[in-house]
Amino acid sequence: MKRAFVYFLSLLSTLLIASSALADDGSSNAASSNFGWFALAAALAIGLPALGGALGQGRAAAAALEGIARNPGASGKIFVPMILAMALIESLVLFGLLMAFVLSGKIA
């Protein structure tokens, strides 16, 4: 554990020192140099919520179906909260899509 911490600390310090050593002198246009970062941010803004939403919806559906399989009489009481949970999970993914559109608008 100590060895892994030392490796992580040395990697972190190397990255911090290298970023200041390779800093830009300010002669280039700052807006044009940020296009790559905006593209990466847009990709992450839709990729991570989609991944999290898929995992969350899969777990919610699995738990609801397991509950219905254990007690078929409670399917009406389980189904409505499951649909509500799915809608709330999907709304977070749609917020990520909205942020991806906003960030992609800064690229072009």
Protein backbone atom coordinates (compact mmCIF):
# COMPACT_ATOMS: atom_id res chain seq x y z
CA MET A 1 0.00 0.00 0.00
CA LYS A 2 2.83 2.38 0.85
CA ARG A 3 4.58 1.61 -2.41
CA ALA A 4 1.43 2.39 -4.41
CA PHE A 5 1.06 5.69 -2.54
CA VAL A 6 4.66 6.63 -3.36
CA TYR A 7 4.08 5.77 -7.04
CA PHE A 8 0.90 7.85 -7.10
CA LEU A 9 2.58 10.78 -5.37
CA SER A 10 5.53 10.72 -7.78
CA LEU A 11 3.19 10.55 -10.78
CA LEU A 12 1.13 13.43 -9.45
CA SER A 13 4.18 15.59 -8.78
CA THR A 14 5.59 14.83 -12.23
CA LEU A 15 2.36 15.86 -13.90
CA LEU A 16 2.15 19.07 -11.88
CA ILE A 17 5.75 20.06 -12.61
CA ALA A 18 5.48 19.19 -16.31
CA SER A 19 2.39 21.32 -16.76
CA SER A 20 4.16 24.43 -15.50
CA ALA A 21 7.30 23.65 -17.49
CA LEU A 22 5.33 23.31 -20.71
CA ALA A 23 3.13 26.34 -20.11
CA ASP A 24 2.17 28.49 -23.08
CA ASP A 25 3.82 31.88 -23.41
CA GLY A 26 0.52 33.51 -24.38
CA SER A 27 1.42 34.26 -27.99
CA SER A 28 -1.28 32.00 -29.50
CA ASN A 29 -4.98 32.66 -29.57
CA ALA A 30 -6.51 31.24 -26.36
CA ALA A 31 -9.92 30.58 -27.91
CA SER A 32 -8.54 28.42 -30.71
CA SER A 33 -6.37 26.39 -28.36
CA ASN A 34 -9.36 25.37 -26.22
CA PHE A 35 -11.28 23.57 -28.99
CA GLY A 36 -9.78 20.22 -28.06
CA TRP A 37 -10.71 20.66 -24.41
CA PHE A 38 -14.27 21.65 -25.32
CA ALA A 39 -14.56 18.57 -27.53
CA LEU A 40 -13.29 16.33 -24.73
CA ALA A 41 -15.66 17.96 -22.25
CA ALA A 42 -18.60 17.48 -24.63
CA ALA A 43 -17.72 13.81 -25.08
CA LEU A 44 -17.46 13.27 -21.33
CA ALA A 45 -20.65 15.27 -20.73
CA ILE A 46 -22.69 12.72 -22.65
CA GLY A 47 -20.59 9.59 -22.11
CA LEU A 48 -20.47 9.54 -18.33
CA PRO A 49 -24.18 10.27 -17.73
CA ALA A 50 -25.13 7.68 -20.34
CA LEU A 51 -22.95 5.09 -18.62
CA GLY A 52 -24.26 5.98 -15.18
CA GLY A 53 -27.86 6.09 -16.38
CA ALA A 54 -27.57 2.69 -18.02
CA LEU A 55 -26.09 1.16 -14.87
CA GLY A 56 -28.72 2.82 -12.67
CA GLN A 57 -31.63 1.77 -14.85
CA GLY A 58 -30.30 -1.77 -15.05
CA ARG A 59 -30.04 -2.05 -11.28
CA ALA A 60 -33.48 -0.49 -10.74
CA ALA A 61 -35.11 -2.82 -13.25
CA ALA A 62 -33.32 -5.87 -11.81
CA ALA A 63 -34.40 -5.01 -8.28
CA ALA A 64 -38.00 -4.37 -9.35
CA LEU A 65 -38.21 -7.59 -11.33
CA GLU A 66 -36.72 -9.54 -8.45
CA GLY A 67 -39.30 -8.03 -6.10
CA ILE A 68 -42.12 -8.89 -8.49
CA ALA A 69 -40.78 -12.43 -8.88
CA ARG A 70 -40.70 -12.91 -5.11
CA ASN A 71 -44.18 -11.44 -4.59
CA PRO A 72 -46.30 -11.27 -7.76
CA GLY A 73 -49.17 -9.74 -5.83
CA ALA A 74 -47.13 -6.60 -5.16
CA SER A 75 -46.42 -5.92 -8.83
CA GLY A 76 -48.77 -2.92 -8.88
CA LYS A 77 -47.03 -1.33 -5.89
CA ILE A 78 -43.58 -1.94 -7.36
CA PHE A 79 -44.22 -1.00 -10.99
CA VAL A 80 -45.18 2.66 -10.52
CA PRO A 81 -42.17 3.61 -8.33
CA MET A 82 -39.90 1.75 -10.76
CA ILE A 83 -41.21 3.80 -13.70
CA LEU A 84 -40.79 6.99 -11.66
CA ALA A 85 -37.21 6.03 -10.79
CA MET A 86 -36.47 5.27 -14.45
CA ALA A 87 -37.79 8.70 -15.47
CA LEU A 88 -35.65 10.46 -12.86
CA ILE A 89 -32.55 8.54 -13.92
CA GLU A 90 -33.23 9.36 -17.56
CA SER A 91 -33.65 13.06 -16.73
CA LEU A 92 -30.07 13.15 -15.47
CA VAL A 93 -28.89 11.66 -18.75
CA LEU A 94 -30.84 14.32 -20.64
CA PHE A 95 -29.10 17.03 -18.58
CA GLY A 96 -25.80 15.52 -19.70
CA LEU A 97 -26.99 15.63 -23.31
CA LEU A 98 -27.94 19.27 -22.87
CA MET A 99 -24.48 20.08 -21.50
CA ALA A 100 -22.88 18.24 -24.44
CA PHE A 101 -24.87 20.42 -26.86
CA VAL A 102 -23.83 23.57 -25.00
CA LEU A 103 -20.17 22.57 -25.05
CA SER A 104 -20.27 21.52 -28.70
CA GLY A 105 -21.68 24.94 -29.53
CA LYS A 106 -18.45 26.45 -28.20
CA ILE A 107 -16.39 24.35 -30.60
CA ALA A 108 -17.80 25.58 -33.89
